Amino acid sequence: QVQLVESGGGLVQAGGSLRLSCAASGRTFSTANMGWFRQAPGKEREFVARIYWSGERTYYADSVKGRFTISRDNAKNTVYLQMNSLKTEDTAVYYCAASFRGWGTNENEYDYWGQGTQVTVSS
């Protein structure tokens, strides 16, 4: 079992920044590939970013490329999502997820999920 707890969400103006954190406990975090997803009101959950277990590889959705950065600190069992130049369309509940089976963009590839943290970007 892995427990994931997101934090760092909030209300920010367009153009601003937020850093989300996802603290993990339980099964060995350092062997998990991690992802961030988001779900806006009335929309399906979508992939945002992912990071390999070692941190040496990352991948982003086109919509956030160049603005968001995913990173991890395996010593602290934490993965981060630095979000810069935020847009109103980034408003969503953001979820972190852990995968021990693969490294993809499909939420079905992820085994464990956090409860989500709300990010609201105002114009």
PDB file of N, CA and C in Angstrom:
ATOM      1  N   GLN A   1       0.829  -1.203   0.000  1.00  0.00           N
ATOM      2  CA  GLN A   1       0.000   0.000   0.000  1.00  0.00           C
ATOM      3  C   GLN A   1       0.860   1.248   0.000  1.00  0.00           C
ATOM      4  N   VAL A   2       0.383   2.260  -0.662  1.00  0.00           N
ATOM      5  CA  VAL A   2       1.029   3.563  -0.663  1.00  0.00           C
ATOM      6  C   VAL A   2      -0.036   4.599  -0.343  1.00  0.00           C
ATOM      7  N   GLN A   3       0.274   5.477   0.580  1.00  0.00           N
ATOM      8  CA  GLN A   3      -0.621   6.585   0.879  1.00  0.00           C
ATOM      9  C   GLN A   3      -0.007   7.865   0.309  1.00  0.00           C
ATOM     10  N   LEU A   4      -0.812   8.623  -0.386  1.00  0.00           N
ATOM     11  CA  LEU A   4      -0.353   9.854  -1.020  1.00  0.00           C
ATOM     12  C   LEU A   4      -1.198  11.017  -0.511  1.00  0.00           C
ATOM     13  N   VAL A   5      -0.527  12.076  -0.113  1.00  0.00           N
ATOM     14  CA  VAL A   5      -1.229  13.256   0.390  1.00  0.00           C
ATOM     15  C   VAL A   5      -0.699  14.486  -0.331  1.00  0.00           C
ATOM     16  N   GLU A   6      -1.577  15.136  -1.090  1.00  0.00           N
ATOM     17  CA  GLU A   6      -1.198  16.347  -1.805  1.00  0.00           C
ATOM     18  C   GLU A   6      -1.407  17.572  -0.918  1.00  0.00           C
ATOM     19  N   SER A   7      -0.630  18.594  -1.200  1.00  0.00           N
ATOM     20  CA  SER A   7      -0.788  19.878  -0.523  1.00  0.00           C
ATOM     21  C   SER A   7      -0.259  20.973  -1.435  1.00  0.00           C
ATOM     22  N   GLY A   8      -0.554  22.220  -1.063  1.00  0.00           N
ATOM     23  CA  GLY A   8      -0.009  23.344  -1.808  1.00  0.00           C
ATOM     24  C   GLY A   8      -0.984  24.022  -2.749  1.00  0.00           C
ATOM     25  N   GLY A   9      -2.181  23.466  -2.876  1.00  0.00           N
ATOM     26  CA  GLY A   9      -3.158  24.111  -3.740  1.00  0.00           C
ATOM     27  C   GLY A   9      -3.669  25.404  -3.126  1.00  0.00           C
ATOM     28  N   GLY A  10      -4.420  26.151  -3.920  1.00  0.00           N
ATOM     29  CA  GLY A  10      -4.979  27.394  -3.421  1.00  0.00           C
ATOM     30  C   GLY A  10      -5.475  28.265  -4.542  1.00  0.00           C
ATOM     31  N   LEU A  11      -5.710  29.527  -4.198  1.00  0.00           N
ATOM     32  CA  LEU A  11      -6.200  30.513  -5.156  1.00  0.00           C
ATOM     33  C   LEU A  11      -5.045  31.416  -5.560  1.00  0.00           C
ATOM     34  N   VAL A  12      -4.868  31.602  -6.852  1.00  0.00           N
ATOM     35  CA  VAL A  12      -3.779  32.436  -7.362  1.00  0.00           C
ATOM     36  C   VAL A  12      -4.281  33.186  -8.592  1.00  0.00           C
ATOM     37  N   GLN A  13      -3.726  34.350  -8.822  1.00  0.00           N
ATOM     38  CA  GLN A  13      -4.095  35.106 -10.014  1.00  0.00           C
ATOM     39  C   GLN A  13      -3.378  34.554 -11.242  1.00  0.00           C
ATOM     40  N   ALA A  14      -3.988  34.773 -12.384  1.00  0.00           N
ATOM     41  CA  ALA A  14      -3.360  34.360 -13.633  1.00  0.00           C
ATOM     42  C   ALA A  14      -1.974  34.979 -13.743  1.00  0.00           C
ATOM     43  N   GLY A  15      -1.030  34.174 -14.189  1.00  0.00           N
ATOM     44  CA  GLY A  15       0.350  34.606 -14.269  1.00  0.00           C
ATOM     45  C   GLY A  15       1.171  34.259 -13.048  1.00  0.00           C
ATOM     46  N   GLY A  16       0.505  33.850 -11.998  1.00  0.00           N
ATOM     47  CA  GLY A  16       1.187  33.524 -10.761  1.00  0.00           C
ATOM     48  C   GLY A  16       1.721  32.104 -10.744  1.00  0.00           C
ATOM     49  N   SER A  17       2.234  31.716  -9.569  1.00  0.00           N
ATOM     50  CA  SER A  17       2.863  30.407  -9.405  1.00  0.00           C
ATOM     51  C   SER A  17       2.351  29.705  -8.162  1.00  0.00           C
ATOM     52  N   LEU A  18       2.392  28.401  -8.206  1.00  0.00           N
ATOM     53  CA  LEU A  18       2.123  27.563  -7.047  1.00  0.00           C
ATOM     54  C   LEU A  18       3.033  26.351  -7.128  1.00  0.00           C
ATOM     55  N   ARG A  19       3.368  25.790  -5.961  1.00  0.00           N
ATOM     56  CA  ARG A  19       4.088  24.530  -5.940  1.00  0.00           C
ATOM     57  C   ARG A  19       3.273  23.508  -5.169  1.00  0.00           C
ATOM     58  N   LEU A  20       2.915  22.448  -5.849  1.00  0.00           N
ATOM     59  CA  LEU A  20       2.208  21.354  -5.211  1.00  0.00           C
ATOM     60  C   LEU A  20       3.209  20.326  -4.700  1.00  0.00           C
ATOM     61  N   SER A  21       2.868  19.723  -3.587  1.00  0.00           N
ATOM     62  CA  SER A  21       3.674  18.641  -3.028  1.00  0.00           C
ATOM     63  C   SER A  21       2.800  17.414  -2.861  1.00  0.00           C
ATOM     64  N   CYS A  22       3.426  16.266  -2.954  1.00  0.00           N
ATOM     65  CA  CYS A  22       2.738  15.001  -2.735  1.00  0.00           C
ATOM     66  C   CYS A  22       3.643  14.148  -1.858  1.00  0.00           C
ATOM     67  N   ALA A  23       3.229  13.957  -0.621  1.00  0.00           N
ATOM     68  CA  ALA A  23       4.003  13.167   0.327  1.00  0.00           C
ATOM     69  C   ALA A  23       3.520  11.728   0.306  1.00  0.00           C
ATOM     70  N   ALA A  24       4.464  10.805   0.218  1.00  0.00           N
ATOM     71  CA  ALA A  24       4.122   9.391   0.126  1.00  0.00           C
ATOM     72  C   ALA A  24       4.581   8.637   1.357  1.00  0.00           C
ATOM     73  N   SER A  25       3.827   7.638   1.708  1.00  0.00           N
ATOM     74  CA  SER A  25       4.224   6.742   2.794  1.00  0.00           C
ATOM     75  C   SER A  25       3.788   5.334   2.417  1.00  0.00           C
ATOM     76  N   GLY A  26       4.422   4.360   3.061  1.00  0.00           N
ATOM     77  CA  GLY A  26       4.081   2.977   2.775  1.00  0.00           C
ATOM     78  C   GLY A  26       5.133   2.312   1.917  1.00  0.00           C
ATOM     79  N   ARG A  27       4.693   1.641   0.894  1.00  0.00           N
ATOM     80  CA  ARG A  27       5.571   0.908  -0.009  1.00  0.00           C
ATOM     81  C   ARG A  27       6.677   1.802  -0.559  1.00  0.00           C
ATOM     82  N   THR A  28       7.779   1.240  -0.913  1.00  0.00           N
ATOM     83  CA  THR A  28       8.963   1.992  -1.274  1.00  0.00           C
ATOM     84  C   THR A  28       8.684   3.021  -2.363  1.00  0.00           C
ATOM     85  N   PHE A  29       8.702   4.276  -1.953  1.00  0.00           N
ATOM     86  CA  PHE A  29       8.408   5.375  -2.862  1.00  0.00           C
ATOM     87  C   PHE A  29       9.438   5.476  -3.967  1.00  0.00           C
ATOM     88  N   SER A  30      10.691   5.216  -3.625  1.00  0.00           N
ATOM     89  CA  SER A  30      11.780   5.447  -4.577  1.00  0.00           C
ATOM     90  C   SER A  30      11.718   4.516  -5.784  1.00  0.00           C
ATOM     91  N   THR A  31      10.895   3.487  -5.740  1.00  0.00           N
ATOM     92  CA  THR A  31      10.760   2.586  -6.889  1.00  0.00           C
ATOM     93  C   THR A  31       9.510   2.875  -7.709  1.00  0.00           C
ATOM     94  N   ALA A  32       8.747   3.876  -7.313  1.00  0.00           N
ATOM     95  CA  ALA A  32       7.493   4.199  -8.000  1.00  0.00           C
ATOM     96  C   ALA A  32       7.693   5.296  -9.025  1.00  0.00           C
ATOM     97  N   ASN A  33       7.128   5.100 -10.197  1.00  0.00           N
ATOM     98  CA  ASN A  33       7.012   6.188 -11.152  1.00  0.00           C
ATOM     99  C   ASN A  33       5.812   7.024 -10.734  1.00  0.00           C
ATOM    100  N   MET A  34       5.970   8.331 -10.791  1.00  0.00           N
ATOM    101  CA  MET A  34       4.942   9.209 -10.247  1.00  0.00           C
ATOM    102  C   MET A  34       4.341  10.097 -11.330  1.00  0.00           C
ATOM    103  N   GLY A  35       3.090  10.407 -11.152  1.00  0.00           N
ATOM    104  CA  GLY A  35       2.433  11.281 -12.103  1.00  0.00           C
ATOM    105  C   GLY A  35       1.546  12.295 -11.414  1.00  0.00           C
ATOM    106  N   TRP A  36       1.286  13.366 -12.104  1.00  0.00           N
ATOM    107  CA  TRP A  36       0.296  14.361 -11.691  1.00  0.00           C
ATOM    108  C   TRP A  36      -0.811  14.382 -12.755  1.00  0.00           C
ATOM    109  N   PHE A  37      -2.024  14.396 -12.281  1.00  0.00           N
ATOM    110  CA  PHE A  37      -3.195  14.499 -13.145  1.00  0.00           C
ATOM    111  C   PHE A  37      -4.060  15.645 -12.615  1.00  0.00           C
ATOM    112  N   ARG A  38      -5.018  16.063 -13.402  1.00  0.00           N
ATOM    113  CA  ARG A  38      -5.939  17.086 -12.935  1.00  0.00           C
ATOM    114  C   ARG A  38      -7.326  16.858 -13.527  1.00  0.00           C
ATOM    115  N   GLN A  39      -8.310  17.373 -12.809  1.00  0.00           N
ATOM    116  CA  GLN A  39      -9.687  17.262 -13.269  1.00  0.00           C
ATOM    117  C   GLN A  39     -10.392  18.581 -13.049  1.00  0.00           C
ATOM    118  N   ALA A  40     -10.791  19.192 -14.144  1.00  0.00           N
ATOM    119  CA  ALA A  40     -11.541  20.440 -14.089  1.00  0.00           C
ATOM    120  C   ALA A  40     -13.035  20.123 -13.989  1.00  0.00           C
ATOM    121  N   PRO A  41     -13.822  21.061 -13.492  1.00  0.00           N
ATOM    122  CA  PRO A  41     -15.266  20.826 -13.359  1.00  0.00           C
ATOM    123  C   PRO A  41     -15.897  20.448 -14.692  1.00  0.00           C
ATOM    124  N   GLY A  42     -16.651  19.369 -14.688  1.00  0.00           N
ATOM    125  CA  GLY A  42     -17.346  18.931 -15.894  1.00  0.00           C
ATOM    126  C   GLY A  42     -16.475  18.249 -16.921  1.00  0.00           C
ATOM    127  N   LYS A  43     -15.214  18.016 -16.581  1.00  0.00           N
ATOM    128  CA  LYS A  43     -14.298  17.387 -17.538  1.00  0.00           C
ATOM    129  C   LYS A  43     -13.720  16.109 -16.962  1.00  0.00           C
ATOM    130  N   GLU A  44     -13.167  15.295 -17.840  1.00  0.00           N
ATOM    131  CA  GLU A  44     -12.516  14.080 -17.394  1.00  0.00           C
ATOM    132  C   GLU A  44     -11.132  14.401 -16.826  1.00  0.00           C
ATOM    133  N   ARG A  45     -10.653  13.507 -15.988  1.00  0.00           N
ATOM    134  CA  ARG A  45      -9.319  13.683 -15.453  1.00  0.00           C
ATOM    135  C   ARG A  45      -8.296  13.530 -16.577  1.00  0.00           C
ATOM    136  N   GLU A  46      -7.285  14.387 -16.564  1.00  0.00           N
ATOM    137  CA  GLU A  46      -6.285  14.374 -17.622  1.00  0.00           C
ATOM    138  C   GLU A  46      -4.869  14.345 -17.065  1.00  0.00           C
ATOM    139  N   PHE A  47      -3.982  13.789 -17.847  1.00  0.00           N
ATOM    140  CA  PHE A  47      -2.571  13.707 -17.483  1.00  0.00           C
ATOM    141  C   PHE A  47      -1.942  15.088 -17.529  1.00  0.00           C
ATOM    142  N   VAL A  48      -1.045  15.355 -16.578  1.00  0.00           N
ATOM    143  CA  VAL A  48      -0.311  16.620 -16.543  1.00  0.00           C
ATOM    144  C   VAL A  48       1.188  16.387 -16.722  1.00  0.00           C
ATOM    145  N   ALA A  49       1.767  15.536 -15.872  1.00  0.00           N
ATOM    146  CA  ALA A  49       3.210  15.326 -15.910  1.00  0.00           C
ATOM    147  C   ALA A  49       3.542  14.004 -15.235  1.00  0.00           C
ATOM    148  N   ARG A  50       4.683  13.458 -15.581  1.00  0.00           N
ATOM    149  CA  ARG A  50       5.134  12.226 -14.944  1.00  0.00           C
ATOM    150  C   ARG A  50       6.642  12.278 -14.764  1.00  0.00           C
ATOM    151  N   ILE A  51       7.136  11.484 -13.813  1.00  0.00           N
ATOM    152  CA  ILE A  51       8.563  11.426 -13.546  1.00  0.00           C
ATOM    153  C   ILE A  51       8.945   9.994 -13.237  1.00  0.00           C
ATOM    154  N   TYR A  52      10.053   9.584 -13.810  1.00  0.00           N
ATOM    155  CA  TYR A  52      10.564   8.240 -13.622  1.00  0.00           C
ATOM    156  C   TYR A  52      10.997   8.046 -12.170  1.00  0.00           C
ATOM    157  N   TRP A  53      11.085   6.795 -11.742  1.00  0.00           N
ATOM    158  CA  TRP A  53      11.399   6.516 -10.339  1.00  0.00           C
ATOM    159  C   TRP A  53      12.710   7.156  -9.914  1.00  0.00           C
ATOM    160  N   SER A  54      13.679   7.230 -10.833  1.00  0.00           N
ATOM    161  CA  SER A  54      14.988   7.779 -10.501  1.00  0.00           C
ATOM    162  C   SER A  54      15.038   9.293 -10.656  1.00  0.00           C
ATOM    163  N   GLY A  55      14.013   9.849 -11.274  1.00  0.00           N
ATOM    164  CA  GLY A  55      13.997  11.285 -11.522  1.00  0.00           C
ATOM    165  C   GLY A  55      14.707  11.703 -12.792  1.00  0.00           C
ATOM    166  N   GLU A  56      15.286  10.730 -13.499  1.00  0.00           N
ATOM    167  CA  GLU A  56      16.104  11.084 -14.664  1.00  0.00           C
ATOM    168  C   GLU A  56      15.292  11.358 -15.915  1.00  0.00           C
ATOM    169  N   ARG A  57      14.017  11.000 -15.897  1.00  0.00           N
ATOM    170  CA  ARG A  57      13.177  11.259 -17.057  1.00  0.00           C
ATOM    171  C   ARG A  57      11.867  11.899 -16.615  1.00  0.00           C
ATOM    172  N   THR A  58      11.423  12.860 -17.386  1.00  0.00           N
ATOM    173  CA  THR A  58      10.146  13.518 -17.144  1.00  0.00           C
ATOM    174  C   THR A  58       9.408  13.671 -18.466  1.00  0.00           C
ATOM    175  N   TYR A  59       8.107  13.882 -18.343  1.00  0.00           N
ATOM    176  CA  TYR A  59       7.287  14.037 -19.548  1.00  0.00           C
ATOM    177  C   TYR A  59       6.091  14.888 -19.177  1.00  0.00           C
ATOM    178  N   TYR A  60       5.688  15.767 -20.117  1.00  0.00           N
ATOM    179  CA  TYR A  60       4.624  16.719 -19.819  1.00  0.00           C
ATOM    180  C   TYR A  60       3.547  16.710 -20.895  1.00  0.00           C
ATOM    181  N   ALA A  61       2.350  17.038 -20.473  1.00  0.00           N
ATOM    182  CA  ALA A  61       1.287  17.308 -21.426  1.00  0.00           C
ATOM    183  C   ALA A  61       1.636  18.588 -22.179  1.00  0.00           C
ATOM    184  N   ASP A  62       1.237  18.673 -23.430  1.00  0.00           N
ATOM    185  CA  ASP A  62       1.548  19.854 -24.236  1.00  0.00           C
ATOM    186  C   ASP A  62       1.006  21.126 -23.598  1.00  0.00           C
ATOM    187  N   SER A  63      -0.113  21.006 -22.925  1.00  0.00           N
ATOM    188  CA  SER A  63      -0.781  22.181 -22.361  1.00  0.00           C
ATOM    189  C   SER A  63       0.011  22.834 -21.232  1.00  0.00           C
ATOM    190  N   VAL A  64       0.950  22.096 -20.631  1.00  0.00           N
ATOM    191  CA  VAL A  64       1.707  22.648 -19.492  1.00  0.00           C
ATOM    192  C   VAL A  64       3.203  22.716 -19.761  1.00  0.00           C
ATOM    193  N   LYS A  65       3.624  22.181 -20.884  1.00  0.00           N
ATOM    194  CA  LYS A  65       5.051  22.144 -21.209  1.00  0.00           C
ATOM    195  C   LYS A  65       5.632  23.551 -21.220  1.00  0.00           C
ATOM    196  N   GLY A  66       6.763  23.703 -20.545  1.00  0.00           N
ATOM    197  CA  GLY A  66       7.409  24.999 -20.466  1.00  0.00           C
ATOM    198  C   GLY A  66       6.925  25.859 -19.313  1.00  0.00           C
ATOM    199  N   ARG A  67       5.830  25.462 -18.680  1.00  0.00           N
ATOM    200  CA  ARG A  67       5.300  26.221 -17.545  1.00  0.00           C
ATOM    201  C   ARG A  67       5.360  25.427 -16.247  1.00  0.00           C
ATOM    202  N   PHE A  68       5.185  24.124 -16.321  1.00  0.00           N
ATOM    203  CA  PHE A  68       5.179  23.263 -15.140  1.00  0.00           C
ATOM    204  C   PHE A  68       6.462  22.427 -15.111  1.00  0.00           C
ATOM    205  N   THR A  69       6.913  22.130 -13.895  1.00  0.00           N
ATOM    206  CA  THR A  69       8.074  21.269 -13.711  1.00  0.00           C
ATOM    207  C   THR A  69       7.779  20.250 -12.631  1.00  0.00           C
ATOM    208  N   ILE A  70       7.953  18.986 -12.967  1.00  0.00           N
ATOM    209  CA  ILE A  70       7.793  17.918 -11.990  1.00  0.00           C
ATOM    210  C   ILE A  70       9.169  17.518 -11.483  1.00  0.00           C
ATOM    211  N   SER A  71       9.261  17.254 -10.187  1.00  0.00           N
ATOM    212  CA  SER A  71      10.515  16.818  -9.600  1.00  0.00           C
ATOM    213  C   SER A  71      10.208  15.917  -8.413  1.00  0.00           C
ATOM    214  N   ARG A  72      11.222  15.286  -7.886  1.00  0.00           N
ATOM    215  CA  ARG A  72      11.012  14.413  -6.739  1.00  0.00           C
ATOM    216  C   ARG A  72      12.240  14.424  -5.856  1.00  0.00           C
ATOM    217  N   ASP A  73      12.012  14.134  -4.583  1.00  0.00           N
ATOM    218  CA  ASP A  73      13.070  13.984  -3.609  1.00  0.00           C
ATOM    219  C   ASP A  73      12.817  12.647  -2.925  1.00  0.00           C
ATOM    220  N   ASN A  74      13.533  11.635  -3.351  1.00  0.00           N
ATOM    221  CA  ASN A  74      13.281  10.297  -2.816  1.00  0.00           C
ATOM    222  C   ASN A  74      13.682  10.187  -1.337  1.00  0.00           C
ATOM    223  N   ALA A  75      14.588  11.019  -0.912  1.00  0.00           N
ATOM    224  CA  ALA A  75      14.971  11.008   0.505  1.00  0.00           C
ATOM    225  C   ALA A  75      13.829  11.515   1.388  1.00  0.00           C
ATOM    226  N   LYS A  76      12.983  12.357   0.802  1.00  0.00           N
ATOM    227  CA  LYS A  76      11.846  12.917   1.548  1.00  0.00           C
ATOM    228  C   LYS A  76      10.525  12.266   1.157  1.00  0.00           C
ATOM    229  N   ASN A  77      10.589  11.267   0.278  1.00  0.00           N
ATOM    230  CA  ASN A  77       9.373  10.591  -0.191  1.00  0.00           C
ATOM    231  C   ASN A  77       8.340  11.586  -0.712  1.00  0.00           C
ATOM    232  N   THR A  78       8.795  12.529  -1.503  1.00  0.00           N
ATOM    233  CA  THR A  78       7.918  13.595  -1.960  1.00  0.00           C
ATOM    234  C   THR A  78       8.138  13.881  -3.441  1.00  0.00           C
ATOM    235  N   VAL A  79       7.045  14.132  -4.134  1.00  0.00           N
ATOM    236  CA  VAL A  79       7.105  14.595  -5.515  1.00  0.00           C
ATOM    237  C   VAL A  79       6.468  15.967  -5.571  1.00  0.00           C
ATOM    238  N   TYR A  80       6.983  16.804  -6.443  1.00  0.00           N
ATOM    239  CA  TYR A  80       6.543  18.195  -6.525  1.00  0.00           C
ATOM    240  C   TYR A  80       6.040  18.516  -7.935  1.00  0.00           C
ATOM    241  N   LEU A  81       5.200  19.532  -7.991  1.00  0.00           N
ATOM    242  CA  LEU A  81       4.798  20.094  -9.274  1.00  0.00           C
ATOM    243  C   LEU A  81       4.877  21.614  -9.137  1.00  0.00           C
ATOM    244  N   GLN A  82       5.905  22.181  -9.736  1.00  0.00           N
ATOM    245  CA  GLN A  82       6.051  23.631  -9.757  1.00  0.00           C
ATOM    246  C   GLN A  82       5.267  24.162 -10.945  1.00  0.00           C
ATOM    247  N   MET A  83       4.337  25.046 -10.669  1.00  0.00           N
ATOM    248  CA  MET A  83       3.455  25.575 -11.714  1.00  0.00           C
ATOM    249  C   MET A  83       3.675  27.080 -11.833  1.00  0.00           C
ATOM    250  N   ASN A  84       4.172  27.498 -12.970  1.00  0.00           N
ATOM    251  CA  ASN A  84       4.415  28.912 -13.237  1.00  0.00           C
ATOM    252  C   ASN A  84       3.515  29.390 -14.368  1.00  0.00           C
ATOM    253  N   SER A  85       3.399  30.695 -14.489  1.00  0.00           N
ATOM    254  CA  SER A  85       2.599  31.301 -15.560  1.00  0.00           C
ATOM    255  C   SER A  85       1.222  30.664 -15.641  1.00  0.00           C
ATOM    256  N   LEU A  86       0.588  30.564 -14.503  1.00  0.00           N
ATOM    257  CA  LEU A  86      -0.694  29.880 -14.441  1.00  0.00           C
ATOM    258  C   LEU A  86      -1.763  30.612 -15.234  1.00  0.00           C
ATOM    259  N   LYS A  87      -2.643  29.819 -15.811  1.00  0.00           N
ATOM    260  CA  LYS A  87      -3.739  30.331 -16.627  1.00  0.00           C
ATOM    261  C   LYS A  87      -5.065  29.907 -15.985  1.00  0.00           C
ATOM    262  N   THR A  88      -6.121  30.602 -16.344  1.00  0.00           N
ATOM    263  CA  THR A  88      -7.419  30.251 -15.765  1.00  0.00           C
ATOM    264  C   THR A  88      -7.807  28.818 -16.122  1.00  0.00           C
ATOM    265  N   GLU A  89      -7.364  28.368 -17.283  1.00  0.00           N
ATOM    266  CA  GLU A  89      -7.694  27.000 -17.701  1.00  0.00           C
ATOM    267  C   GLU A  89      -6.923  25.928 -16.925  1.00  0.00           C
ATOM    268  N   ASP A  90      -6.000  26.332 -16.071  1.00  0.00           N
ATOM    269  CA  ASP A  90      -5.313  25.385 -15.197  1.00  0.00           C
ATOM    270  C   ASP A  90      -6.126  25.079 -13.940  1.00  0.00           C
ATOM    271  N   THR A  91      -7.239  25.780 -13.755  1.00  0.00           N
ATOM    272  CA  THR A  91      -8.094  25.541 -12.604  1.00  0.00           C
ATOM    273  C   THR A  91      -8.616  24.110 -12.619  1.00  0.00           C
ATOM    274  N   ALA A  92      -8.363  23.384 -11.529  1.00  0.00           N
ATOM    275  CA  ALA A  92      -8.743  21.972 -11.459  1.00  0.00           C
ATOM    276  C   ALA A  92      -8.366  21.425 -10.090  1.00  0.00           C
ATOM    277  N   VAL A  93      -8.840  20.227  -9.825  1.00  0.00           N
ATOM    278  CA  VAL A  93      -8.315  19.459  -8.703  1.00  0.00           C
ATOM    279  C   VAL A  93      -7.127  18.669  -9.231  1.00  0.00           C
ATOM    280  N   TYR A  94      -6.002  18.796  -8.543  1.00  0.00           N
ATOM    281  CA  TYR A  94      -4.780  18.132  -8.969  1.00  0.00           C
ATOM    282  C   TYR A  94      -4.528  16.905  -8.087  1.00  0.00           C
ATOM    283  N   TYR A  95      -4.222  15.798  -8.748  1.00  0.00           N
ATOM    284  CA  TYR A  95      -3.988  14.538  -8.072  1.00  0.00           C
ATOM    285  C   TYR A  95      -2.588  14.030  -8.377  1.00  0.00           C
ATOM    286  N   CYS A  96      -1.929  13.485  -7.364  1.00  0.00           N
ATOM    287  CA  CYS A  96      -0.710  12.738  -7.660  1.00  0.00           C
ATOM    288  C   CYS A  96      -1.041  11.254  -7.625  1.00  0.00           C
ATOM    289  N   ALA A  97      -0.250  10.490  -8.346  1.00  0.00           N
ATOM    290  CA  ALA A  97      -0.491   9.061  -8.469  1.00  0.00           C
ATOM    291  C   ALA A  97       0.831   8.326  -8.574  1.00  0.00           C
ATOM    292  N   ALA A  98       0.834   7.088  -8.110  1.00  0.00           N
ATOM    293  CA  ALA A  98       2.033   6.254  -8.122  1.00  0.00           C
ATOM    294  C   ALA A  98       1.788   5.008  -8.957  1.00  0.00           C
ATOM    295  N   SER A  99       2.789   4.648  -9.733  1.00  0.00           N
ATOM    296  CA  SER A  99       2.697   3.443 -10.548  1.00  0.00           C
ATOM    297  C   SER A  99       3.914   2.568 -10.321  1.00  0.00           C
ATOM    298  N   PHE A 100       3.655   1.297 -10.047  1.00  0.00           N
ATOM    299  CA  PHE A 100       4.720   0.309  -9.938  1.00  0.00           C
ATOM    300  C   PHE A 100       4.712  -0.625 -11.141  1.00  0.00           C
ATOM    301  N   ARG A 101       3.830  -0.308 -12.116  1.00  0.00           N
ATOM    302  CA  ARG A 101       3.666  -1.210 -13.266  1.00  0.00           C
ATOM    303  C   ARG A 101       4.171  -0.618 -14.563  1.00  0.00           C
ATOM    304  N   GLY A 102       4.241   0.677 -14.626  1.00  0.00           N
ATOM    305  CA  GLY A 102       4.622   1.278 -15.895  1.00  0.00           C
ATOM    306  C   GLY A 102       4.943   2.735 -15.727  1.00  0.00           C
ATOM    307  N   TRP A 103       5.018   3.428 -16.842  1.00  0.00           N
ATOM    308  CA  TRP A 103       5.360   4.846 -16.831  1.00  0.00           C
ATOM    309  C   TRP A 103       4.633   5.495 -17.982  1.00  0.00           C
ATOM    310  N   GLY A 104       3.338   5.754 -17.798  1.00  0.00           N
ATOM    311  CA  GLY A 104       2.560   6.240 -18.911  1.00  0.00           C
ATOM    312  C   GLY A 104       1.733   7.458 -18.580  1.00  0.00           C
ATOM    313  N   THR A 105       0.876   7.811 -19.523  1.00  0.00           N
ATOM    314  CA  THR A 105       0.003   8.961 -19.359  1.00  0.00           C
ATOM    315  C   THR A 105      -1.441   8.560 -19.080  1.00  0.00           C
ATOM    316  N   ASN A 106      -1.703   7.255 -19.098  1.00  0.00           N
ATOM    317  CA  ASN A 106      -3.058   6.751 -18.875  1.00  0.00           C
ATOM    318  C   ASN A 106      -3.261   6.510 -17.386  1.00  0.00           C
ATOM    319  N   GLU A 107      -4.328   7.045 -16.850  1.00  0.00           N
ATOM    320  CA  GLU A 107      -4.542   6.909 -15.403  1.00  0.00           C
ATOM    321  C   GLU A 107      -4.716   5.451 -15.001  1.00  0.00           C
ATOM    322  N   ASN A 108      -5.100   4.596 -15.906  1.00  0.00           N
ATOM    323  CA  ASN A 108      -5.258   3.179 -15.580  1.00  0.00           C
ATOM    324  C   ASN A 108      -3.923   2.501 -15.272  1.00  0.00           C
ATOM    325  N   GLU A 109      -2.821   3.146 -15.617  1.00  0.00           N
ATOM    326  CA  GLU A 109      -1.503   2.593 -15.341  1.00  0.00           C
ATOM    327  C   GLU A 109      -1.037   2.884 -13.921  1.00  0.00           C
ATOM    328  N   TYR A 110      -1.785   3.682 -13.202  1.00  0.00           N
ATOM    329  CA  TYR A 110      -1.377   4.104 -11.863  1.00  0.00           C
ATOM    330  C   TYR A 110      -2.159   3.339 -10.800  1.00  0.00           C
ATOM    331  N   ASP A 111      -1.415   2.948  -9.760  1.00  0.00           N
ATOM    332  CA  ASP A 111      -1.963   2.048  -8.765  1.00  0.00           C
ATOM    333  C   ASP A 111      -2.548   2.762  -7.548  1.00  0.00           C
ATOM    334  N   TYR A 112      -1.967   3.885  -7.200  1.00  0.00           N
ATOM    335  CA  TYR A 112      -2.374   4.589  -5.977  1.00  0.00           C
ATOM    336  C   TYR A 112      -2.578   6.069  -6.290  1.00  0.00           C
ATOM    337  N   TRP A 113      -3.565   6.659  -5.604  1.00  0.00           N
ATOM    338  CA  TRP A 113      -3.941   8.045  -5.853  1.00  0.00           C
ATOM    339  C   TRP A 113      -4.089   8.802  -4.533  1.00  0.00           C
ATOM    340  N   GLY A 114      -3.768  10.078  -4.592  1.00  0.00           N
ATOM    341  CA  GLY A 114      -4.049  10.949  -3.466  1.00  0.00           C
ATOM    342  C   GLY A 114      -5.480  11.459  -3.540  1.00  0.00           C
ATOM    343  N   GLN A 115      -5.838  12.267  -2.563  1.00  0.00           N
ATOM    344  CA  GLN A 115      -7.212  12.752  -2.473  1.00  0.00           C
ATOM    345  C   GLN A 115      -7.438  14.005  -3.314  1.00  0.00           C
ATOM    346  N   GLY A 116      -6.348  14.616  -3.762  1.00  0.00           N
ATOM    347  CA  GLY A 116      -6.457  15.792  -4.609  1.00  0.00           C
ATOM    348  C   GLY A 116      -6.337  17.092  -3.839  1.00  0.00           C
ATOM    349  N   THR A 117      -5.878  18.116  -4.539  1.00  0.00           N
ATOM    350  CA  THR A 117      -5.791  19.460  -3.973  1.00  0.00           C
ATOM    351  C   THR A 117      -6.303  20.443  -5.019  1.00  0.00           C
ATOM    352  N   GLN A 118      -7.115  21.389  -4.571  1.00  0.00           N
ATOM    353  CA  GLN A 118      -7.764  22.325  -5.489  1.00  0.00           C
ATOM    354  C   GLN A 118      -6.818  23.460  -5.859  1.00  0.00           C
ATOM    355  N   VAL A 119      -6.730  23.722  -7.146  1.00  0.00           N
ATOM    356  CA  VAL A 119      -6.005  24.879  -7.657  1.00  0.00           C
ATOM    357  C   VAL A 119      -7.005  25.738  -8.431  1.00  0.00           C
ATOM    358  N   THR A 120      -7.114  26.987  -8.020  1.00  0.00           N
ATOM    359  CA  THR A 120      -8.023  27.908  -8.680  1.00  0.00           C
ATOM    360  C   THR A 120      -7.231  29.116  -9.161  1.00  0.00           C
ATOM    361  N   VAL A 121      -7.315  29.383 -10.447  1.00  0.00           N
ATOM    362  CA  VAL A 121      -6.599  30.504 -11.043  1.00  0.00           C
ATOM    363  C   VAL A 121      -7.629  31.538 -11.490  1.00  0.00           C
ATOM    364  N   SER A 122      -7.525  32.723 -10.919  1.00  0.00           N
ATOM    365  CA  SER A 122      -8.482  33.780 -11.234  1.00  0.00           C
ATOM    366  C   SER A 122      -7.906  34.723 -12.292  1.00  0.00           C
ATOM    367  N   SER A 123      -8.794  35.345 -13.034  1.00  0.00           N
ATOM    368  CA  SER A 123      -8.352  36.254 -14.110  1.00  0.00           C
ATOM    369  C   SER A 123      -8.154  37.660 -13.602  1.00  0.00           C
TER     370      SER A 123
END
